[in-house]
Amino acid sequence: MDHSPSAAPTPQNVTPITHTTRRAIAVSSLTLGVWGCLVFWWYPFGIMIASTATAMALLSIAMGWRAGKEGQHLAWLGLFFGGSGAGMAVASYRFMQFVFDGIVPQLPLPL
């Protein structure tokens, strides 16, 4: 009986082509974040886009997925723009509630 250890399986070659979906999630978090910052005033579309960008950026950061030609962390920029867009959307919505409806926001701010 032969009890010699079996050879470990060869790892799959990772090329820039093999993980296109993962790279696309990291890049789309950046593009959706920028778009969410551009249309933050368009409620609820702006906050939805910015929140989606933030969620995709957090997923990419947690999984370690990078994008770009040399593997840049574009998801960090997506997190910045997505968070900024969502923050601007909530702030402008609360401001419009205060100006037009006379509703004073309570602390902590209920969303």
Protein backbone atom coordinates (compact mmCIF):
# COMPACT_ATOMS: atom_id res chain seq x y z
CA MET A 1 0.00 0.00 0.00
CA ASP A 2 1.38 3.36 -1.05
CA HIS A 3 0.75 6.22 1.38
CA SER A 4 2.73 8.86 -0.41
CA PRO A 5 1.07 12.30 -0.43
CA SER A 6 -0.71 13.16 -3.62
CA ALA A 7 0.46 16.09 -5.63
CA ALA A 8 -1.27 19.38 -4.81
CA PRO A 9 -3.50 20.65 -7.60
CA THR A 10 -1.94 23.36 -9.68
CA PRO A 11 -3.51 26.77 -9.03
CA GLN A 12 -5.38 28.28 -11.89
CA ASN A 13 -3.45 30.97 -13.70
CA VAL A 14 -4.80 34.39 -12.81
CA THR A 15 -4.54 36.75 -15.71
CA PRO A 16 -6.11 40.18 -16.20
CA ILE A 17 -8.80 38.49 -18.29
CA THR A 18 -9.88 35.87 -15.74
CA HIS A 19 -11.48 38.24 -13.22
CA THR A 20 -13.27 40.73 -15.44
CA THR A 21 -16.50 40.59 -13.43
CA ARG A 22 -14.70 41.34 -10.18
CA ARG A 23 -12.86 44.24 -11.77
CA ALA A 24 -16.13 45.50 -13.26
CA ILE A 25 -17.75 45.64 -9.81
CA ALA A 26 -14.86 47.75 -8.51
CA VAL A 27 -15.00 50.09 -11.50
CA SER A 28 -18.79 50.35 -11.50
CA SER A 29 -18.71 51.43 -7.84
CA LEU A 30 -16.58 54.38 -8.93
CA THR A 31 -18.72 55.30 -11.91
CA LEU A 32 -21.99 54.94 -10.00
CA GLY A 33 -20.52 56.99 -7.17
CA VAL A 34 -19.60 59.82 -9.52
CA TRP A 35 -23.03 59.64 -11.14
CA GLY A 36 -24.67 59.65 -7.71
CA CYS A 37 -22.75 62.83 -6.86
CA LEU A 38 -23.88 64.45 -10.09
CA VAL A 39 -27.59 63.71 -9.59
CA PHE A 40 -27.79 63.83 -5.78
CA TRP A 41 -30.67 66.33 -5.94
CA TRP A 42 -32.85 63.94 -7.94
CA TYR A 43 -34.61 62.18 -5.08
CA PRO A 44 -34.85 59.13 -4.74
CA PHE A 45 -32.81 58.24 -7.84
CA GLY A 46 -29.64 59.99 -6.68
CA ILE A 47 -29.59 58.39 -3.26
CA MET A 48 -30.33 54.97 -4.77
CA ILE A 49 -27.41 55.23 -7.19
CA ALA A 50 -25.06 56.53 -4.50
CA SER A 51 -26.12 53.80 -2.05
CA THR A 52 -25.60 51.13 -4.70
CA ALA A 53 -22.13 52.51 -5.38
CA THR A 54 -21.32 52.45 -1.67
CA ALA A 55 -22.49 48.85 -1.31
CA MET A 56 -20.51 47.71 -4.36
CA ALA A 57 -17.42 49.55 -3.12
CA LEU A 58 -17.67 47.94 0.31
CA LEU A 59 -18.03 44.53 -1.32
CA SER A 60 -15.00 45.13 -3.52
CA ILE A 61 -12.90 46.38 -0.62
CA ALA A 62 -13.92 43.48 1.62
CA MET A 63 -13.16 40.90 -1.06
CA GLY A 64 -9.91 42.61 -2.12
CA TRP A 65 -10.99 43.11 -5.71
CA ARG A 66 -8.95 45.67 -7.57
CA ALA A 67 -9.38 47.29 -10.94
CA GLY A 68 -7.42 49.38 -13.35
CA LYS A 69 -4.44 48.60 -15.49
CA GLU A 70 -2.09 48.04 -12.55
CA GLY A 71 -4.61 46.90 -9.94
CA GLN A 72 -5.48 50.25 -8.37
CA HIS A 73 -7.98 50.43 -5.54
CA LEU A 74 -10.72 52.19 -7.49
CA ALA A 75 -13.29 50.91 -5.02
CA TRP A 76 -11.95 53.34 -2.40
CA LEU A 77 -12.80 56.20 -4.74
CA GLY A 78 -16.20 54.62 -5.33
CA LEU A 79 -16.74 54.52 -1.57
CA PHE A 80 -15.79 58.19 -1.28
CA PHE A 81 -18.01 59.37 -4.13
CA GLY A 82 -20.90 57.08 -3.19
CA GLY A 83 -20.82 58.18 0.42
CA SER A 84 -20.56 61.82 -0.58
CA GLY A 85 -23.47 61.50 -3.00
CA ALA A 86 -25.65 59.78 -0.41
CA GLY A 87 -24.76 62.37 2.20
CA MET A 88 -25.54 65.26 -0.15
CA ALA A 89 -28.84 63.62 -1.11
CA VAL A 90 -29.96 63.23 2.50
CA ALA A 91 -28.80 66.76 3.37
CA SER A 92 -30.61 68.34 0.43
CA TYR A 93 -33.78 66.33 1.14
CA ARG A 94 -33.76 67.44 4.78
CA PHE A 95 -33.09 71.03 3.71
CA MET A 96 -36.06 70.97 1.33
CA GLN A 97 -38.27 69.52 4.08
CA PHE A 98 -37.23 72.38 6.34
CA VAL A 99 -37.66 75.14 3.75
CA PHE A 100 -40.87 74.05 2.04
CA ASP A 101 -42.70 72.04 4.71
CA GLY A 102 -41.38 73.61 7.91
CA ILE A 103 -40.33 70.23 9.30
CA VAL A 104 -37.42 70.64 11.69
CA PRO A 105 -35.13 67.58 11.56
CA GLN A 106 -34.84 65.70 14.84
CA LEU A 107 -31.60 64.44 16.25
CA PRO A 108 -30.65 61.72 15.53
CA LEU A 109 -31.85 62.16 11.99
CA PRO A 110 -34.36 59.43 11.11
CA LEU A 111 -33.97 58.43 7.50
